[in-house]
Full PDB file with SEQRES, HELIX, SHEET, SSBOND, CRYST1, ORIGX, SCALE, CONECT and MASTER records, all heavy atoms in Angstrom:
SEQRES   1 A   37  VAL GLN GLY GLY THR ALA THR VAL LYS GLY VAL ALA LYS          
SEQRES   2 A   37  MET LYS GLY ALA PRO VAL MET ALA THR ASP LEU ARG ALA          
SEQRES   3 A   37  SER VAL SER LEU ILE LEU ALA GLY LEU ALA ALA                  
HELIX    1 AA1 LEU A   24  ALA A   36  1                                  13    
CRYST1    1.000    1.000    1.000  90.00  90.00  90.00 P 1           1          
ORIGX1      1.000000  0.000000  0.000000        0.00000                         
ORIGX2      0.000000  1.000000  0.000000        0.00000                         
ORIGX3      0.000000  0.000000  1.000000        0.00000                         
SCALE1      1.000000  0.000000  0.000000        0.00000                         
SCALE2      0.000000  1.000000  0.000000        0.00000                         
SCALE3      0.000000  0.000000  1.000000        0.00000                         
ATOM      1  N   VAL A   1      61.027-264.858  73.052  1.00  0.00           N  
ATOM      2  CA  VAL A   1      61.318-265.296  74.417  1.00  0.00           C  
ATOM      3  C   VAL A   1      61.139-266.802  74.523  1.00  0.00           C  
ATOM      4  O   VAL A   1      60.079-267.335  74.166  1.00  0.00           O  
ATOM      5  CB  VAL A   1      60.408-264.581  75.433  1.00  0.00           C  
ATOM      6  CG1 VAL A   1      60.650-265.138  76.843  1.00  0.00           C  
ATOM      7  CG2 VAL A   1      60.654-263.080  75.412  1.00  0.00           C  
ATOM      8  N   GLN A   2      62.165-267.477  75.012  1.00  0.00           N  
ATOM      9  CA  GLN A   2      62.118-268.913  75.263  1.00  0.00           C  
ATOM     10  C   GLN A   2      62.628-269.143  76.685  1.00  0.00           C  
ATOM     11  O   GLN A   2      63.825-269.112  76.938  1.00  0.00           O  
ATOM     12  CB  GLN A   2      62.971-269.685  74.249  1.00  0.00           C  
ATOM     13  CG  GLN A   2      62.553-269.515  72.799  1.00  0.00           C  
ATOM     14  CD  GLN A   2      61.211-270.168  72.501  1.00  0.00           C  
ATOM     15  OE1 GLN A   2      60.816-271.134  73.164  1.00  0.00           O  
ATOM     16  NE2 GLN A   2      60.496-269.646  71.505  1.00  0.00           N  
ATOM     17  N   GLY A   3      61.690-269.334  77.618  1.00  0.00           N  
ATOM     18  CA  GLY A   3      62.085-269.528  79.016  1.00  0.00           C  
ATOM     19  C   GLY A   3      62.782-268.295  79.563  1.00  0.00           C  
ATOM     20  O   GLY A   3      62.259-267.193  79.527  1.00  0.00           O  
ATOM     21  N   GLY A   4      64.006-268.499  80.055  1.00  0.00           N  
ATOM     22  CA  GLY A   4      64.767-267.396  80.632  1.00  0.00           C  
ATOM     23  C   GLY A   4      65.680-266.702  79.645  1.00  0.00           C  
ATOM     24  O   GLY A   4      66.579-265.963  80.048  1.00  0.00           O  
ATOM     25  N   THR A   5      65.466-266.931  78.337  1.00  0.00           N  
ATOM     26  CA  THR A   5      66.314-266.320  77.310  1.00  0.00           C  
ATOM     27  C   THR A   5      65.457-265.553  76.318  1.00  0.00           C  
ATOM     28  O   THR A   5      64.428-266.045  75.848  1.00  0.00           O  
ATOM     29  CB  THR A   5      67.118-267.394  76.554  1.00  0.00           C  
ATOM     30  OG1 THR A   5      67.930-268.115  77.489  1.00  0.00           O  
ATOM     31  CG2 THR A   5      68.013-266.763  75.503  1.00  0.00           C  
ATOM     32  N   ALA A   6      65.875-264.338  76.002  1.00  0.00           N  
ATOM     33  CA  ALA A   6      65.186-263.517  75.004  1.00  0.00           C  
ATOM     34  C   ALA A   6      66.172-263.165  73.896  1.00  0.00           C  
ATOM     35  O   ALA A   6      67.283-262.690  74.171  1.00  0.00           O  
ATOM     36  CB  ALA A   6      64.640-262.242  75.640  1.00  0.00           C  
ATOM     37  N   THR A   7      65.765-263.412  72.655  1.00  0.00           N  
ATOM     38  CA  THR A   7      66.566-263.032  71.489  1.00  0.00           C  
ATOM     39  C   THR A   7      65.942-261.785  70.875  1.00  0.00           C  
ATOM     40  O   THR A   7      64.751-261.786  70.531  1.00  0.00           O  
ATOM     41  CB  THR A   7      66.605-264.167  70.459  1.00  0.00           C  
ATOM     42  OG1 THR A   7      67.142-265.343  71.085  1.00  0.00           O  
ATOM     43  CG2 THR A   7      67.478-263.785  69.274  1.00  0.00           C  
ATOM     44  N   VAL A   8      66.734-260.730  70.756  1.00  0.00           N  
ATOM     45  CA  VAL A   8      66.243-259.439  70.281  1.00  0.00           C  
ATOM     46  C   VAL A   8      66.948-259.080  68.980  1.00  0.00           C  
ATOM     47  O   VAL A   8      68.175-258.927  68.956  1.00  0.00           O  
ATOM     48  CB  VAL A   8      66.482-258.325  71.322  1.00  0.00           C  
ATOM     49  CG1 VAL A   8      65.891-257.003  70.843  1.00  0.00           C  
ATOM     50  CG2 VAL A   8      65.906-258.707  72.678  1.00  0.00           C  
ATOM     51  N   LYS A   9      66.176-258.964  67.904  1.00  0.00           N  
ATOM     52  CA  LYS A   9      66.706-258.494  66.626  1.00  0.00           C  
ATOM     53  C   LYS A   9      66.381-257.008  66.510  1.00  0.00           C  
ATOM     54  O   LYS A   9      65.216-256.617  66.501  1.00  0.00           O  
ATOM     55  CB  LYS A   9      66.084-259.272  65.468  1.00  0.00           C  
ATOM     56  CG  LYS A   9      66.446-260.749  65.465  1.00  0.00           C  
ATOM     57  CD  LYS A   9      65.787-261.480  64.291  1.00  0.00           C  
ATOM     58  CE  LYS A   9      66.145-262.954  64.311  1.00  0.00           C  
ATOM     59  NZ  LYS A   9      65.498-263.694  63.196  1.00  0.00           N  
ATOM     60  N   GLY A  10      67.413-256.194  66.441  1.00  0.00           N  
ATOM     61  CA  GLY A  10      67.199-254.750  66.413  1.00  0.00           C  
ATOM     62  C   GLY A  10      66.468-254.283  65.172  1.00  0.00           C  
ATOM     63  O   GLY A  10      66.659-254.832  64.080  1.00  0.00           O  
ATOM     64  N   VAL A  11      65.627-253.281  65.343  1.00  0.00           N  
ATOM     65  CA  VAL A  11      64.910-252.669  64.217  1.00  0.00           C  
ATOM     66  C   VAL A  11      65.339-251.212  64.109  1.00  0.00           C  
ATOM     67  O   VAL A  11      65.776-250.602  65.096  1.00  0.00           O  
ATOM     68  CB  VAL A  11      63.378-252.768  64.400  1.00  0.00           C  
ATOM     69  CG1 VAL A  11      62.936-254.217  64.435  1.00  0.00           C  
ATOM     70  CG2 VAL A  11      62.925-252.044  65.670  1.00  0.00           C  
ATOM     71  N   ALA A  12      65.211-250.669  62.904  1.00  0.00           N  
ATOM     72  CA  ALA A  12      65.663-249.296  62.682  1.00  0.00           C  
ATOM     73  C   ALA A  12      64.776-248.292  63.405  1.00  0.00           C  
ATOM     74  O   ALA A  12      65.247-247.236  63.846  1.00  0.00           O  
ATOM     75  CB  ALA A  12      65.686-248.995  61.185  1.00  0.00           C  
ATOM     76  N   LYS A  13      63.493-248.624  63.551  1.00  0.00           N  
ATOM     77  CA  LYS A  13      62.569-247.665  64.145  1.00  0.00           C  
ATOM     78  C   LYS A  13      61.442-248.401  64.856  1.00  0.00           C  
ATOM     79  O   LYS A  13      60.933-249.414  64.361  1.00  0.00           O  
ATOM     80  CB  LYS A  13      61.975-246.756  63.060  1.00  0.00           C  
ATOM     81  CG  LYS A  13      61.592-245.376  63.537  1.00  0.00           C  
ATOM     82  CD  LYS A  13      62.816-244.564  63.919  1.00  0.00           C  
ATOM     83  CE  LYS A  13      62.442-243.123  64.238  1.00  0.00           C  
ATOM     84  NZ  LYS A  13      63.548-242.356  64.783  1.00  0.00           N  
ATOM     85  N   MET A  14      61.041-247.898  66.010  1.00  0.00           N  
ATOM     86  CA  MET A  14      59.860-248.399  66.697  1.00  0.00           C  
ATOM     87  C   MET A  14      58.752-247.363  66.559  1.00  0.00           C  
ATOM     88  O   MET A  14      59.013-246.192  66.259  1.00  0.00           O  
ATOM     89  CB  MET A  14      60.172-248.702  68.161  1.00  0.00           C  
ATOM     90  CG  MET A  14      61.180-249.837  68.317  1.00  0.00           C  
ATOM     91  SD  MET A  14      61.696-250.129  70.027  1.00  0.00           S  
ATOM     92  CE  MET A  14      60.205-250.833  70.724  1.00  0.00           C  
ATOM     93  N   LYS A  15      57.522-247.796  66.787  1.00  0.00           N  
ATOM     94  CA  LYS A  15      56.382-246.902  66.626  1.00  0.00           C  
ATOM     95  C   LYS A  15      55.618-246.793  67.935  1.00  0.00           C  
ATOM     96  O   LYS A  15      55.464-247.777  68.654  1.00  0.00           O  
ATOM     97  CB  LYS A  15      55.454-247.410  65.516  1.00  0.00           C  
ATOM     98  CG  LYS A  15      56.101-247.429  64.141  1.00  0.00           C  
ATOM     99  CD  LYS A  15      55.119-247.826  63.067  1.00  0.00           C  
ATOM    100  CE  LYS A  15      55.798-247.888  61.692  1.00  0.00           C  
ATOM    101  NZ  LYS A  15      56.319-246.575  61.278  1.00  0.00           N  
ATOM    102  N   GLY A  16      55.149-245.597  68.220  1.00  0.00           N  
ATOM    103  CA  GLY A  16      54.389-245.367  69.432  1.00  0.00           C  
ATOM    104  C   GLY A  16      53.115-246.198  69.459  1.00  0.00           C  
ATOM    105  O   GLY A  16      52.526-246.492  68.422  1.00  0.00           O  
ATOM    106  N   ALA A  17      52.691-246.588  70.675  1.00  0.00           N  
ATOM    107  CA  ALA A  17      51.490-247.415  70.832  1.00  0.00           C  
ATOM    108  C   ALA A  17      51.018-247.310  72.277  1.00  0.00           C  
ATOM    109  O   ALA A  17      51.796-246.946  73.162  1.00  0.00           O  
ATOM    110  CB  ALA A  17      51.795-248.872  70.490  1.00  0.00           C  
ATOM    111  N   PRO A  18      49.766-247.641  72.548  1.00  0.00           N  
ATOM    112  CA  PRO A  18      49.332-247.781  73.941  1.00  0.00           C  
ATOM    113  C   PRO A  18      49.886-249.077  74.515  1.00  0.00           C  
ATOM    114  O   PRO A  18      49.732-250.146  73.901  1.00  0.00           O  
ATOM    115  CB  PRO A  18      47.802-247.823  73.835  1.00  0.00           C  
ATOM    116  CG  PRO A  18      47.516-248.266  72.449  1.00  0.00           C  
ATOM    117  CD  PRO A  18      48.653-247.800  71.595  1.00  0.00           C  
ATOM    118  N   VAL A  19      50.561-249.010  75.652  1.00  0.00           N  
ATOM    119  CA  VAL A  19      51.173-250.184  76.268  1.00  0.00           C  
ATOM    120  C   VAL A  19      50.840-250.187  77.758  1.00  0.00           C  
ATOM    121  O   VAL A  19      50.438-249.170  78.325  1.00  0.00           O  
ATOM    122  CB  VAL A  19      52.709-250.204  76.059  1.00  0.00           C  
ATOM    123  CG1 VAL A  19      53.056-250.465  74.609  1.00  0.00           C  
ATOM    124  CG2 VAL A  19      53.348-248.907  76.544  1.00  0.00           C  
ATOM    125  N   MET A  20      51.055-251.333  78.390  1.00  0.00           N  
ATOM    126  CA  MET A  20      50.701-251.487  79.795  1.00  0.00           C  
ATOM    127  C   MET A  20      51.917-251.909  80.607  1.00  0.00           C  
ATOM    128  O   MET A  20      52.603-252.873  80.262  1.00  0.00           O  
ATOM    129  CB  MET A  20      49.590-252.526  79.949  1.00  0.00           C  
ATOM    130  CG  MET A  20      49.109-252.704  81.368  1.00  0.00           C  
ATOM    131  SD  MET A  20      47.735-253.886  81.468  1.00  0.00           S  
ATOM    132  CE  MET A  20      48.555-255.409  81.024  1.00  0.00           C  
ATOM    133  N   ALA A  21      52.169-251.205  81.691  1.00  0.00           N  
ATOM    134  CA  ALA A  21      53.271-251.549  82.579  1.00  0.00           C  
ATOM    135  C   ALA A  21      52.887-252.749  83.433  1.00  0.00           C  
ATOM    136  O   ALA A  21      51.792-252.793  84.000  1.00  0.00           O  
ATOM    137  CB  ALA A  21      53.606-250.360  83.474  1.00  0.00           C  
ATOM    138  N   THR A  22      53.786-253.730  83.521  1.00  0.00           N  
ATOM    139  CA  THR A  22      53.511-254.937  84.291  1.00  0.00           C  
ATOM    140  C   THR A  22      54.252-254.983  85.614  1.00  0.00           C  
ATOM    141  O   THR A  22      53.859-255.703  86.533  1.00  0.00           O  
ATOM    142  CB  THR A  22      53.901-256.177  83.473  1.00  0.00           C  
ATOM    143  OG1 THR A  22      55.254-256.034  83.026  1.00  0.00           O  
ATOM    144  CG2 THR A  22      52.985-256.343  82.272  1.00  0.00           C  
ATOM    145  N   ASP A  23      55.340-254.241  85.723  1.00  0.00           N  
ATOM    146  CA  ASP A  23      56.081-254.146  86.982  1.00  0.00           C  
ATOM    147  C   ASP A  23      56.912-252.875  86.935  1.00  0.00           C  
ATOM    148  O   ASP A  23      56.891-252.127  85.959  1.00  0.00           O  
ATOM    149  CB  ASP A  23      56.941-255.399  87.232  1.00  0.00           C  
ATOM    150  CG  ASP A  23      57.987-255.640  86.149  1.00  0.00           C  
ATOM    151  OD1 ASP A  23      58.882-254.796  85.997  1.00  0.00           O  
ATOM    152  OD2 ASP A  23      57.905-256.671  85.451  1.00  0.00           O  
ATOM    153  N   LEU A  24      57.651-252.632  88.001  1.00  0.00           N  
ATOM    154  CA  LEU A  24      58.385-251.373  88.155  1.00  0.00           C  
ATOM    155  C   LEU A  24      59.365-251.111  87.020  1.00  0.00           C  
ATOM    156  O   LEU A  24      59.315-250.068  86.355  1.00  0.00           O  
ATOM    157  CB  LEU A  24      59.120-251.398  89.501  1.00  0.00           C  
ATOM    158  CG  LEU A  24      60.156-250.308  89.771  1.00  0.00           C  
ATOM    159  CD1 LEU A  24      59.552-248.925  89.622  1.00  0.00           C  
ATOM    160  CD2 LEU A  24      60.746-250.496  91.160  1.00  0.00           C  
ATOM    161  N   ARG A  25      60.273-252.038  86.765  1.00  0.00           N  
ATOM    162  CA  ARG A  25      61.312-251.789  85.758  1.00  0.00           C  
ATOM    163  C   ARG A  25      60.743-251.852  84.341  1.00  0.00           C  
ATOM    164  O   ARG A  25      61.218-251.152  83.449  1.00  0.00           O  
ATOM    165  CB  ARG A  25      62.470-252.774  85.926  1.00  0.00           C  
ATOM    166  CG  ARG A  25      63.047-252.799  87.345  1.00  0.00           C  
ATOM    167  CD  ARG A  25      63.463-251.429  87.871  1.00  0.00           C  
ATOM    168  NE  ARG A  25      63.860-251.494  89.280  1.00  0.00           N  
ATOM    169  CZ  ARG A  25      64.183-250.450  90.021  1.00  0.00           C  
ATOM    170  NH1 ARG A  25      64.136-249.228  89.514  1.00  0.00           N  
ATOM    171  NH2 ARG A  25      64.526-250.589  91.283  1.00  0.00           N  
ATOM    172  N   ALA A  26      59.719-252.689  84.141  1.00  0.00           N  
ATOM    173  CA  ALA A  26      59.054-252.715  82.840  1.00  0.00           C  
ATOM    174  C   ALA A  26      58.450-251.357  82.517  1.00  0.00           C  
ATOM    175  O   ALA A  26      58.469-250.904  81.367  1.00  0.00           O  
ATOM    176  CB  ALA A  26      57.970-253.795  82.824  1.00  0.00           C  
ATOM    177  N   SER A  27      57.918-250.680  83.543  1.00  0.00           N  
ATOM    178  CA  SER A  27      57.300-249.370  83.328  1.00  0.00           C  
ATOM    179  C   SER A  27      58.267-248.398  82.683  1.00  0.00           C  
ATOM    180  O   SER A  27      57.958-247.757  81.665  1.00  0.00           O  
ATOM    181  CB  SER A  27      56.835-248.781  84.673  1.00  0.00           C  
ATOM    182  OG  SER A  27      55.989-249.634  85.377  1.00  0.00           O  
ATOM    183  N   VAL A  28      59.459-248.302  83.259  1.00  0.00           N  
ATOM    184  CA  VAL A  28      60.397-247.309  82.758  1.00  0.00           C  
ATOM    185  C   VAL A  28      61.016-247.746  81.439  1.00  0.00           C  
ATOM    186  O   VAL A  28      61.386-246.911  80.610  1.00  0.00           O  
ATOM    187  CB  VAL A  28      61.465-246.988  83.823  1.00  0.00           C  
ATOM    188  CG1 VAL A  28      62.581-248.031  83.863  1.00  0.00           C  
ATOM    189  CG2 VAL A  28      62.037-245.590  83.633  1.00  0.00           C  
ATOM    190  N   SER A  29      61.089-249.056  81.190  1.00  0.00           N  
ATOM    191  CA  SER A  29      61.626-249.516  79.907  1.00  0.00           C  
ATOM    192  C   SER A  29      60.714-249.080  78.763  1.00  0.00           C  
ATOM    193  O   SER A  29      61.184-248.735  77.675  1.00  0.00           O  
ATOM    194  CB  SER A  29      61.793-251.040  79.903  1.00  0.00           C  
ATOM    195  OG  SER A  29      60.554-251.709  79.806  1.00  0.00           O  
ATOM    196  N   LEU A  30      59.413-249.068  78.994  1.00  0.00           N  
ATOM    197  CA  LEU A  30      58.464-248.648  77.966  1.00  0.00           C  
ATOM    198  C   LEU A  30      58.539-247.140  77.736  1.00  0.00           C  
ATOM    199  O   LEU A  30      58.383-246.667  76.608  1.00  0.00           O  
ATOM    200  CB  LEU A  30      57.049-249.064  78.367  1.00  0.00           C  
ATOM    201  CG  LEU A  30      56.828-250.572  78.495  1.00  0.00           C  
ATOM    202  CD1 LEU A  30      55.451-250.869  79.077  1.00  0.00           C  
ATOM    203  CD2 LEU A  30      57.000-251.266  77.145  1.00  0.00           C  
ATOM    204  N   ILE A  31      58.800-246.390  78.788  1.00  0.00           N  
ATOM    205  CA  ILE A  31      58.990-244.943  78.631  1.00  0.00           C  
ATOM    206  C   ILE A  31      60.237-244.657  77.813  1.00  0.00           C  
ATOM    207  O   ILE A  31      60.231-243.823  76.898  1.00  0.00           O  
ATOM    208  CB  ILE A  31      59.074-244.263  80.012  1.00  0.00           C  
ATOM    209  CG1 ILE A  31      57.706-244.327  80.708  1.00  0.00           C  
ATOM    210  CG2 ILE A  31      59.546-242.813  79.886  1.00  0.00           C  
ATOM    211  CD1 ILE A  31      57.719-243.853  82.140  1.00  0.00           C  
ATOM    212  N   LEU A  32      61.320-245.379  78.097  1.00  0.00           N  
ATOM    213  CA  LEU A  32      62.549-245.200  77.322  1.00  0.00           C  
ATOM    214  C   LEU A  32      62.320-245.536  75.854  1.00  0.00           C  
ATOM    215  O   LEU A  32      62.762-244.809  74.961  1.00  0.00           O  
ATOM    216  CB  LEU A  32      63.662-246.080  77.891  1.00  0.00           C  
ATOM    217  CG  LEU A  32      64.222-245.691  79.259  1.00  0.00           C  
ATOM    218  CD1 LEU A  32      65.211-246.746  79.748  1.00  0.00           C  
ATOM    219  CD2 LEU A  32      64.885-244.320  79.237  1.00  0.00           C  
ATOM    220  N   ALA A  33      61.623-246.640  75.603  1.00  0.00           N  
ATOM    221  CA  ALA A  33      61.336-247.013  74.218  1.00  0.00           C  
ATOM    222  C   ALA A  33      60.525-245.935  73.529  1.00  0.00           C  
ATOM    223  O   ALA A  33      60.726-245.639  72.339  1.00  0.00           O  
ATOM    224  CB  ALA A  33      60.590-248.350  74.179  1.00  0.00           C  
ATOM    225  N   GLY A  34      59.616-245.319  74.270  1.00  0.00           N  
ATOM    226  CA  GLY A  34      58.803-244.242  73.716  1.00  0.00           C  
ATOM    227  C   GLY A  34      59.610-243.031  73.295  1.00  0.00           C  
ATOM    228  O   GLY A  34      59.214-242.301  72.372  1.00  0.00           O  
ATOM    229  N   LEU A  35      60.766-242.816  73.933  1.00  0.00           N  
ATOM    230  CA  LEU A  35      61.622-241.687  73.557  1.00  0.00           C  
ATOM    231  C   LEU A  35      62.135-241.820  72.132  1.00  0.00           C  
ATOM    232  O   LEU A  35      62.377-240.823  71.449  1.00  0.00           O  
ATOM    233  CB  LEU A  35      62.816-241.591  74.518  1.00  0.00           C  
ATOM    234  CG  LEU A  35      62.536-241.264  75.981  1.00  0.00           C  
ATOM    235  CD1 LEU A  35      63.820-241.360  76.794  1.00  0.00           C  
ATOM    236  CD2 LEU A  35      61.923-239.869  76.122  1.00  0.00           C  
ATOM    237  N   ALA A  36      62.314-243.067  71.694  1.00  0.00           N  
ATOM    238  CA  ALA A  36      62.873-243.307  70.356  1.00  0.00           C  
ATOM    239  C   ALA A  36      61.802-243.602  69.316  1.00  0.00           C  
ATOM    240  O   ALA A  36      62.086-243.602  68.120  1.00  0.00           O  
ATOM    241  CB  ALA A  36      63.847-244.484  70.413  1.00  0.00           C  
ATOM    242  N   ALA A  37      60.573-243.875  69.762  1.00  0.00           N  
ATOM    243  CA  ALA A  37      59.529-244.327  68.837  1.00  0.00           C  
ATOM    244  C   ALA A  37      58.940-243.171  68.035  1.00  0.00           C  
ATOM    245  O   ALA A  37      58.889-242.029  68.505  1.00  0.00           O  
ATOM    246  CB  ALA A  37      58.425-245.022  69.622  1.00  0.00           C  
TER     247      ALA A  37                                                      
MASTER        0    0    0    1    0    0    0    6  246    1    0    3          
END                                                                             
């Protein structure tokens, strides 16, 4: 993340972890990521 721009390099697999929701939309984004982790 650099200011208002984020560069995302895709990975083949994510791993489950304890995470913290910081706002409304961030909350559900972490749940979605958990579906694939």
